[in-house]
């Protein structure tokens, strides 16, 4: 997975995950996106977990009736592959947008 930590700043939205052992993990919300007709969210752990630098967690995502976000695990390898590819495409588009933006600033 590509490096995204450098894109997170102090104004970034965060979300706290409760893990299976009831510990909590604060994550930055990298983006929400649609893949295969469903909505997903990409979360970047901020601290406190032994994850590789820049590792992103992907979850199925929707807003519940109470207005709170609801995350669901991606259960199948096939769904994960679709979601991972869509996230990679989003990252590539962000890098392209940054490069194009830099080109216009230089002129």
C-alpha atoms as a PDB file:
ATOM      1  CA  UNK A   1       0.000   0.000   0.000  1.00  0.00           C
ATOM      2  CA  UNK A   2       1.225   3.493  -0.735  1.00  0.00           C
ATOM      3  CA  UNK A   3       2.472   5.979   1.821  1.00  0.00           C
ATOM      4  CA  UNK A   4      -0.273   8.316   3.006  1.00  0.00           C
ATOM      5  CA  UNK A   5       0.896   9.468   6.438  1.00  0.00           C
ATOM      6  CA  UNK A   6       2.407  12.661   5.020  1.00  0.00           C
ATOM      7  CA  UNK A   7      -1.040  13.753   3.818  1.00  0.00           C
ATOM      8  CA  UNK A   8      -2.527  13.786   7.344  1.00  0.00           C
ATOM      9  CA  UNK A   9      -2.480  17.108   9.183  1.00  0.00           C
ATOM     10  CA  UNK A  10      -3.909  18.591  12.370  1.00  0.00           C
ATOM     11  CA  UNK A  11      -7.177  19.515  10.620  1.00  0.00           C
ATOM     12  CA  UNK A  12      -7.849  15.930   9.530  1.00  0.00           C
ATOM     13  CA  UNK A  13     -11.011  14.210  10.767  1.00  0.00           C
ATOM     14  CA  UNK A  14     -10.355  11.332  13.129  1.00  0.00           C
ATOM     15  CA  UNK A  15     -12.282   8.269  14.219  1.00  0.00           C
ATOM     16  CA  UNK A  16     -11.693   6.030  17.225  1.00  0.00           C
ATOM     17  CA  UNK A  17     -11.917   2.280  16.594  1.00  0.00           C
ATOM     18  CA  UNK A  18     -12.609  -0.205  19.371  1.00  0.00           C
ATOM     19  CA  UNK A  19     -10.557  -3.315  18.691  1.00  0.00           C
ATOM     20  CA  UNK A  20     -11.393  -6.934  19.541  1.00  0.00           C
ATOM     21  CA  UNK A  21      -9.446  -6.677  22.824  1.00  0.00           C
ATOM     22  CA  UNK A  22     -11.523  -3.554  23.750  1.00  0.00           C
ATOM     23  CA  UNK A  23      -8.515  -1.270  23.306  1.00  0.00           C
ATOM     24  CA  UNK A  24      -9.077   1.900  21.318  1.00  0.00           C
ATOM     25  CA  UNK A  25      -7.164   3.100  18.296  1.00  0.00           C
ATOM     26  CA  UNK A  26      -7.389   6.641  16.964  1.00  0.00           C
ATOM     27  CA  UNK A  27      -7.271   6.848  13.190  1.00  0.00           C
ATOM     28  CA  UNK A  28      -7.255   9.672  10.688  1.00  0.00           C
ATOM     29  CA  UNK A  29      -9.975   9.515   8.057  1.00  0.00           C
ATOM     30  CA  UNK A  30      -8.054   9.483   4.777  1.00  0.00           C
ATOM     31  CA  UNK A  31     -11.109   9.401   2.504  1.00  0.00           C
ATOM     32  CA  UNK A  32     -14.476   7.848   1.834  1.00  0.00           C
ATOM     33  CA  UNK A  33     -15.094   6.412  -1.637  1.00  0.00           C
ATOM     34  CA  UNK A  34     -17.390   4.166  -3.628  1.00  0.00           C
ATOM     35  CA  UNK A  35     -16.357   0.842  -5.152  1.00  0.00           C
ATOM     36  CA  UNK A  36     -18.615  -1.798  -6.657  1.00  0.00           C
ATOM     37  CA  UNK A  37     -21.706   0.204  -5.729  1.00  0.00           C
ATOM     38  CA  UNK A  38     -20.884   0.334  -1.990  1.00  0.00           C
ATOM     39  CA  UNK A  39     -19.301   3.025   0.171  1.00  0.00           C
ATOM     40  CA  UNK A  40     -15.987   2.506   1.943  1.00  0.00           C
ATOM     41  CA  UNK A  41     -13.697   4.418   4.266  1.00  0.00           C
ATOM     42  CA  UNK A  42      -9.901   4.423   4.511  1.00  0.00           C
ATOM     43  CA  UNK A  43      -8.461   4.948   7.999  1.00  0.00           C
ATOM     44  CA  UNK A  44      -4.842   5.562   8.943  1.00  0.00           C
ATOM     45  CA  UNK A  45      -3.794   4.598  12.501  1.00  0.00           C
ATOM     46  CA  UNK A  46      -2.201   7.604  14.174  1.00  0.00           C
ATOM     47  CA  UNK A  47      -0.329   5.856  17.012  1.00  0.00           C
ATOM     48  CA  UNK A  48      -0.360   2.909  19.314  1.00  0.00           C
ATOM     49  CA  UNK A  49      -0.454  -0.036  16.933  1.00  0.00           C
ATOM     50  CA  UNK A  50       2.319  -2.022  15.403  1.00  0.00           C
ATOM     51  CA  UNK A  51       1.293  -1.384  11.812  1.00  0.00           C
ATOM     52  CA  UNK A  52       3.661  -0.754   8.986  1.00  0.00           C
ATOM     53  CA  UNK A  53       4.270   2.911   8.230  1.00  0.00           C
ATOM     54  CA  UNK A  54       1.458   4.162   6.023  1.00  0.00           C
ATOM     55  CA  UNK A  55      -0.714   1.043   6.400  1.00  0.00           C
ATOM     56  CA  UNK A  56      -4.361   1.921   5.844  1.00  0.00           C
ATOM     57  CA  UNK A  57      -7.434   0.079   7.154  1.00  0.00           C
ATOM     58  CA  UNK A  58     -10.334  -0.265   4.713  1.00  0.00           C
ATOM     59  CA  UNK A  59     -13.919  -0.796   5.889  1.00  0.00           C
ATOM     60  CA  UNK A  60     -17.375  -0.834   4.351  1.00  0.00           C
ATOM     61  CA  UNK A  61     -19.008   2.388   5.543  1.00  0.00           C
ATOM     62  CA  UNK A  62     -22.444   3.965   5.918  1.00  0.00           C
ATOM     63  CA  UNK A  63     -24.176   6.449   8.191  1.00  0.00           C
ATOM     64  CA  UNK A  64     -26.648   4.857  10.586  1.00  0.00           C
ATOM     65  CA  UNK A  65     -30.149   6.100  11.344  1.00  0.00           C
ATOM     66  CA  UNK A  66     -28.784   7.914  14.394  1.00  0.00           C
ATOM     67  CA  UNK A  67     -26.309   9.805  12.202  1.00  0.00           C
ATOM     68  CA  UNK A  68     -23.274   7.938  13.511  1.00  0.00           C
ATOM     69  CA  UNK A  69     -20.857   6.243  11.130  1.00  0.00           C
ATOM     70  CA  UNK A  70     -21.148   2.452  10.887  1.00  0.00           C
ATOM     71  CA  UNK A  71     -18.134   0.393   9.841  1.00  0.00           C
ATOM     72  CA  UNK A  72     -18.343  -3.175   8.601  1.00  0.00           C
ATOM     73  CA  UNK A  73     -15.491  -5.575   7.928  1.00  0.00           C
ATOM     74  CA  UNK A  74     -14.784  -6.585   4.363  1.00  0.00           C
ATOM     75  CA  UNK A  75     -15.281 -10.347   4.521  1.00  0.00           C
ATOM     76  CA  UNK A  76     -14.277 -11.670   1.105  1.00  0.00           C
ATOM     77  CA  UNK A  77     -10.971 -11.519  -0.736  1.00  0.00           C
ATOM     78  CA  UNK A  78     -12.816 -10.571  -3.920  1.00  0.00           C
ATOM     79  CA  UNK A  79     -14.481  -7.556  -2.293  1.00  0.00           C
ATOM     80  CA  UNK A  80     -11.200  -6.530  -0.664  1.00  0.00           C
ATOM     81  CA  UNK A  81      -9.421  -6.656  -4.043  1.00  0.00           C
ATOM     82  CA  UNK A  82     -12.056  -4.353  -5.612  1.00  0.00           C
ATOM     83  CA  UNK A  83     -11.866  -1.929  -2.673  1.00  0.00           C
ATOM     84  CA  UNK A  84      -8.073  -1.944  -2.532  1.00  0.00           C
ATOM     85  CA  UNK A  85      -7.823  -1.247  -6.274  1.00  0.00           C
ATOM     86  CA  UNK A  86     -10.314   1.627  -5.975  1.00  0.00           C
ATOM     87  CA  UNK A  87      -8.346   3.116  -3.074  1.00  0.00           C
ATOM     88  CA  UNK A  88      -5.079   2.812  -5.035  1.00  0.00           C
ATOM     89  CA  UNK A  89      -6.738   4.631  -7.951  1.00  0.00           C
ATOM     90  CA  UNK A  90      -7.870   7.374  -5.563  1.00  0.00           C
ATOM     91  CA  UNK A  91      -4.298   7.714  -4.239  1.00  0.00           C
ATOM     92  CA  UNK A  92      -2.942   7.898  -7.776  1.00  0.00           C
ATOM     93  CA  UNK A  93      -5.439  10.649  -8.643  1.00  0.00           C
ATOM     94  CA  UNK A  94      -4.382  12.616  -5.553  1.00  0.00           C
ATOM     95  CA  UNK A  95      -0.734  12.406  -6.555  1.00  0.00           C
ATOM     96  CA  UNK A  96      -1.673  13.526 -10.094  1.00  0.00           C
ATOM     97  CA  UNK A  97      -3.680  16.459  -8.717  1.00  0.00           C
ATOM     98  CA  UNK A  98      -0.705  17.505  -6.583  1.00  0.00           C
ATOM     99  CA  UNK A  99       1.668  17.323  -9.558  1.00  0.00           C
ATOM    100  CA  UNK A 100      -0.679  19.291 -11.823  1.00  0.00           C
ATOM    101  CA  UNK A 101      -1.218  21.863  -9.065  1.00  0.00           C
ATOM    102  CA  UNK A 102       2.542  22.273  -8.635  1.00  0.00           C
ATOM    103  CA  UNK A 103       2.970  22.768 -12.409  1.00  0.00           C
ATOM    104  CA  UNK A 104       0.428  25.602 -12.424  1.00  0.00           C
ATOM    105  CA  UNK A 105       2.050  27.234  -9.380  1.00  0.00           C
ATOM    106  CA  UNK A 106       5.437  27.229 -11.151  1.00  0.00           C
ATOM    107  CA  UNK A 107       4.103  29.154 -14.169  1.00  0.00           C
END
